[in-house]
Amino acid sequence: MATSRRVSRVAELIKREVSQMLLNGIKDDRVGMGMVSVTDVDVSGDLQHAKIYVSIYGTEEAKAETMAGLKSATGYVRSELGARVRLRRTPEVVFIEDRSIERGSKVLSLLNQLELQRKPENGENDEEEV
């Protein structure tokens, strides 16, 4: 139990620190192409690996450029994490694009379209049929 609490605490620390780096630490212009936010961090039980999930708002081209910039900044991010988060060994870092918000938005849009299509025309109410 203590281990899982420690892993989640480390994940939260990494999420906070990488979010700060995205705001004013990473100098690669490609990272600024799309609006980027850290949505989740998954740290392995042995604290050796960290998957950092990022949501990117922008065109497909901006998303690809941003991911390329993040990939090239991986070494910088890892060394900064080593300086900011006190761990015996700094985890290997991998950035993964999180499209769940985008998918959720599409699902909501489809549900709204269905609701509009199902509404009876001319204000008729289906419940009146008995």
C-alpha atoms as a PDB file:
ATOM      1  CA  MET A   1       0.000   0.000   0.000  1.00  0.00           C
ATOM      2  CA  ALA A   2       2.787   2.418   0.887  1.00  0.00           C
ATOM      3  CA  THR A   3       4.453   1.709  -2.457  1.00  0.00           C
ATOM      4  CA  SER A   4       1.364   2.602  -4.510  1.00  0.00           C
ATOM      5  CA  ARG A   5       0.941   5.792  -2.470  1.00  0.00           C
ATOM      6  CA  ARG A   6       4.577   6.663  -3.151  1.00  0.00           C
ATOM      7  CA  VAL A   7       4.189   5.952  -6.879  1.00  0.00           C
ATOM      8  CA  SER A   8       1.101   8.176  -7.117  1.00  0.00           C
ATOM      9  CA  ARG A   9       2.871  10.927  -5.139  1.00  0.00           C
ATOM     10  CA  VAL A  10       5.858  10.779  -7.517  1.00  0.00           C
ATOM     11  CA  ALA A  11       3.469  10.836 -10.514  1.00  0.00           C
ATOM     12  CA  GLU A  12       1.797  13.994  -9.154  1.00  0.00           C
ATOM     13  CA  LEU A  13       5.173  15.653  -8.570  1.00  0.00           C
ATOM     14  CA  ILE A  14       6.280  14.825 -12.115  1.00  0.00           C
ATOM     15  CA  LYS A  15       2.983  16.101 -13.522  1.00  0.00           C
ATOM     16  CA  ARG A  16       3.352  19.404 -11.672  1.00  0.00           C
ATOM     17  CA  GLU A  17       7.004  19.901 -12.620  1.00  0.00           C
ATOM     18  CA  VAL A  18       6.571  18.991 -16.295  1.00  0.00           C
ATOM     19  CA  SER A  19       3.546  21.316 -16.488  1.00  0.00           C
ATOM     20  CA  GLN A  20       5.775  24.120 -15.208  1.00  0.00           C
ATOM     21  CA  MET A  21       8.447  23.218 -17.765  1.00  0.00           C
ATOM     22  CA  LEU A  22       5.873  23.390 -20.554  1.00  0.00           C
ATOM     23  CA  LEU A  23       4.940  26.905 -19.467  1.00  0.00           C
ATOM     24  CA  ASN A  24       8.404  28.399 -19.240  1.00  0.00           C
ATOM     25  CA  GLY A  25      11.200  25.859 -19.364  1.00  0.00           C
ATOM     26  CA  ILE A  26      11.267  24.149 -22.745  1.00  0.00           C
ATOM     27  CA  LYS A  27      12.730  26.528 -25.319  1.00  0.00           C
ATOM     28  CA  ASP A  28      11.945  24.402 -28.419  1.00  0.00           C
ATOM     29  CA  ASP A  29       9.579  26.496 -30.590  1.00  0.00           C
ATOM     30  CA  ARG A  30       7.823  23.346 -31.790  1.00  0.00           C
ATOM     31  CA  VAL A  31       6.467  22.758 -28.291  1.00  0.00           C
ATOM     32  CA  GLY A  32       4.672  26.109 -28.512  1.00  0.00           C
ATOM     33  CA  MET A  33       2.990  25.223 -31.839  1.00  0.00           C
ATOM     34  CA  GLY A  34      -0.084  23.823 -30.080  1.00  0.00           C
ATOM     35  CA  MET A  35      -1.442  24.427 -26.615  1.00  0.00           C
ATOM     36  CA  VAL A  36      -0.035  21.593 -24.500  1.00  0.00           C
ATOM     37  CA  SER A  37      -1.142  20.327 -21.107  1.00  0.00           C
ATOM     38  CA  VAL A  38      -0.139  17.305 -19.070  1.00  0.00           C
ATOM     39  CA  THR A  39      -3.231  15.151 -18.546  1.00  0.00           C
ATOM     40  CA  ASP A  40      -1.696  12.239 -16.662  1.00  0.00           C
ATOM     41  CA  VAL A  41       1.561  10.643 -15.584  1.00  0.00           C
ATOM     42  CA  ASP A  42       1.971   6.893 -15.239  1.00  0.00           C
ATOM     43  CA  VAL A  43       4.999   5.879 -13.189  1.00  0.00           C
ATOM     44  CA  SER A  44       6.149   2.254 -13.004  1.00  0.00           C
ATOM     45  CA  GLY A  45       6.169   0.555  -9.606  1.00  0.00           C
ATOM     46  CA  ASP A  46       9.969   0.655  -9.442  1.00  0.00           C
ATOM     47  CA  LEU A  47       9.964   4.389 -10.354  1.00  0.00           C
ATOM     48  CA  GLN A  48      12.260   3.704 -13.324  1.00  0.00           C
ATOM     49  CA  HIS A  49       9.871   4.793 -16.101  1.00  0.00           C
ATOM     50  CA  ALA A  50       7.397   7.639 -16.450  1.00  0.00           C
ATOM     51  CA  LYS A  51       4.842   7.931 -19.244  1.00  0.00           C
ATOM     52  CA  ILE A  52       3.742  11.536 -19.529  1.00  0.00           C
ATOM     53  CA  TYR A  53       0.411  11.929 -21.310  1.00  0.00           C
ATOM     54  CA  VAL A  54      -0.097  15.286 -22.992  1.00  0.00           C
ATOM     55  CA  SER A  55      -3.135  16.811 -24.620  1.00  0.00           C
ATOM     56  CA  ILE A  56      -2.365  19.116 -27.545  1.00  0.00           C
ATOM     57  CA  TYR A  57      -4.841  21.586 -28.968  1.00  0.00           C
ATOM     58  CA  GLY A  58      -4.238  22.606 -32.563  1.00  0.00           C
ATOM     59  CA  THR A  59      -4.042  21.320 -36.114  1.00  0.00           C
ATOM     60  CA  GLU A  60      -2.682  17.861 -36.885  1.00  0.00           C
ATOM     61  CA  GLU A  61       0.501  19.526 -38.154  1.00  0.00           C
ATOM     62  CA  ALA A  62       0.872  21.506 -34.899  1.00  0.00           C
ATOM     63  CA  LYS A  63       0.289  18.325 -32.880  1.00  0.00           C
ATOM     64  CA  ALA A  64       2.971  16.441 -34.836  1.00  0.00           C
ATOM     65  CA  GLU A  65       5.440  19.332 -34.461  1.00  0.00           C
ATOM     66  CA  THR A  66       4.714  19.593 -30.738  1.00  0.00           C
ATOM     67  CA  MET A  67       5.261  15.855 -30.215  1.00  0.00           C
ATOM     68  CA  ALA A  68       8.547  16.060 -32.159  1.00  0.00           C
ATOM     69  CA  GLY A  69       9.626  18.976 -29.958  1.00  0.00           C
ATOM     70  CA  LEU A  70       8.697  17.084 -26.788  1.00  0.00           C
ATOM     71  CA  LYS A  71      10.584  14.021 -27.972  1.00  0.00           C
ATOM     72  CA  SER A  72      13.706  16.088 -28.582  1.00  0.00           C
ATOM     73  CA  ALA A  73      13.316  17.771 -25.171  1.00  0.00           C
ATOM     74  CA  THR A  74      13.133  14.423 -23.322  1.00  0.00           C
ATOM     75  CA  GLY A  75      16.753  14.652 -22.100  1.00  0.00           C
ATOM     76  CA  TYR A  76      16.235  18.183 -20.819  1.00  0.00           C
ATOM     77  CA  VAL A  77      12.983  17.203 -19.078  1.00  0.00           C
ATOM     78  CA  ARG A  78      14.628  14.205 -17.425  1.00  0.00           C
ATOM     79  CA  SER A  79      17.617  16.216 -16.180  1.00  0.00           C
ATOM     80  CA  GLU A  80      15.324  18.981 -14.878  1.00  0.00           C
ATOM     81  CA  LEU A  81      13.202  16.386 -13.098  1.00  0.00           C
ATOM     82  CA  GLY A  82      16.375  15.011 -11.526  1.00  0.00           C
ATOM     83  CA  ALA A  83      17.177  18.455 -10.164  1.00  0.00           C
ATOM     84  CA  ARG A  84      13.615  19.295  -9.044  1.00  0.00           C
ATOM     85  CA  VAL A  85      12.349  15.957  -7.701  1.00  0.00           C
ATOM     86  CA  ARG A  86      14.599  14.238  -5.195  1.00  0.00           C
ATOM     87  CA  LEU A  87      14.710  10.558  -6.124  1.00  0.00           C
ATOM     88  CA  ARG A  88      17.505   8.006  -5.994  1.00  0.00           C
ATOM     89  CA  ARG A  89      17.212   7.563  -9.725  1.00  0.00           C
ATOM     90  CA  THR A  90      15.387   9.830 -12.164  1.00  0.00           C
ATOM     91  CA  PRO A  91      12.900   7.845 -14.250  1.00  0.00           C
ATOM     92  CA  GLU A  92      13.195   7.472 -18.005  1.00  0.00           C
ATOM     93  CA  VAL A  93      10.633   9.810 -19.569  1.00  0.00           C
ATOM     94  CA  VAL A  94       8.354   9.137 -22.544  1.00  0.00           C
ATOM     95  CA  PHE A  95       5.778  11.579 -23.907  1.00  0.00           C
ATOM     96  CA  ILE A  96       2.523  10.099 -25.223  1.00  0.00           C
ATOM     97  CA  GLU A  97      -0.177  12.106 -26.961  1.00  0.00           C
ATOM     98  CA  ASP A  98      -3.480  11.808 -25.108  1.00  0.00           C
ATOM     99  CA  ARG A  99      -6.421  12.117 -27.479  1.00  0.00           C
ATOM    100  CA  SER A 100      -9.082  11.150 -24.934  1.00  0.00           C
ATOM    101  CA  ILE A 101     -10.362  14.731 -24.610  1.00  0.00           C
ATOM    102  CA  GLU A 102     -10.657  14.939 -28.384  1.00  0.00           C
ATOM    103  CA  ARG A 103     -12.504  11.599 -28.529  1.00  0.00           C
ATOM    104  CA  GLY A 104     -14.783  12.647 -25.688  1.00  0.00           C
ATOM    105  CA  SER A 105     -15.625  15.862 -27.496  1.00  0.00           C
ATOM    106  CA  LYS A 106     -16.514  13.907 -30.665  1.00  0.00           C
ATOM    107  CA  VAL A 107     -18.753  11.539 -28.680  1.00  0.00           C
ATOM    108  CA  LEU A 108     -20.556  14.468 -27.042  1.00  0.00           C
ATOM    109  CA  SER A 109     -21.035  16.093 -30.429  1.00  0.00           C
ATOM    110  CA  LEU A 110     -22.517  12.872 -31.861  1.00  0.00           C
ATOM    111  CA  LEU A 111     -24.833  12.504 -28.860  1.00  0.00           C
ATOM    112  CA  ASN A 112     -26.027  16.087 -29.301  1.00  0.00           C
ATOM    113  CA  GLN A 113     -26.703  15.440 -33.008  1.00  0.00           C
ATOM    114  CA  LEU A 114     -28.699  12.308 -32.146  1.00  0.00           C
ATOM    115  CA  GLU A 115     -30.722  14.204 -29.574  1.00  0.00           C
ATOM    116  CA  LEU A 116     -31.556  16.896 -32.110  1.00  0.00           C
ATOM    117  CA  GLN A 117     -32.595  14.299 -34.704  1.00  0.00           C
ATOM    118  CA  ARG A 118     -34.834  12.471 -32.222  1.00  0.00           C
ATOM    119  CA  LYS A 119     -36.751  15.556 -31.126  1.00  0.00           C
ATOM    120  CA  PRO A 120     -40.204  15.434 -32.719  1.00  0.00           C
ATOM    121  CA  GLU A 121     -40.910  17.981 -35.399  1.00  0.00           C
ATOM    122  CA  ASN A 122     -43.452  20.807 -34.860  1.00  0.00           C
ATOM    123  CA  GLY A 123     -43.240  20.452 -31.093  1.00  0.00           C
ATOM    124  CA  GLU A 124     -45.188  17.164 -31.056  1.00  0.00           C
ATOM    125  CA  ASN A 125     -44.706  15.175 -27.890  1.00  0.00           C
ATOM    126  CA  ASP A 126     -44.155  11.415 -28.162  1.00  0.00           C
ATOM    127  CA  GLU A 127     -45.531  10.884 -24.664  1.00  0.00           C
ATOM    128  CA  GLU A 128     -49.067  11.865 -25.783  1.00  0.00           C
ATOM    129  CA  GLU A 129     -49.416   8.652 -27.756  1.00  0.00           C
ATOM    130  CA  VAL A 130     -51.258   6.177 -25.519  1.00  0.00           C
END
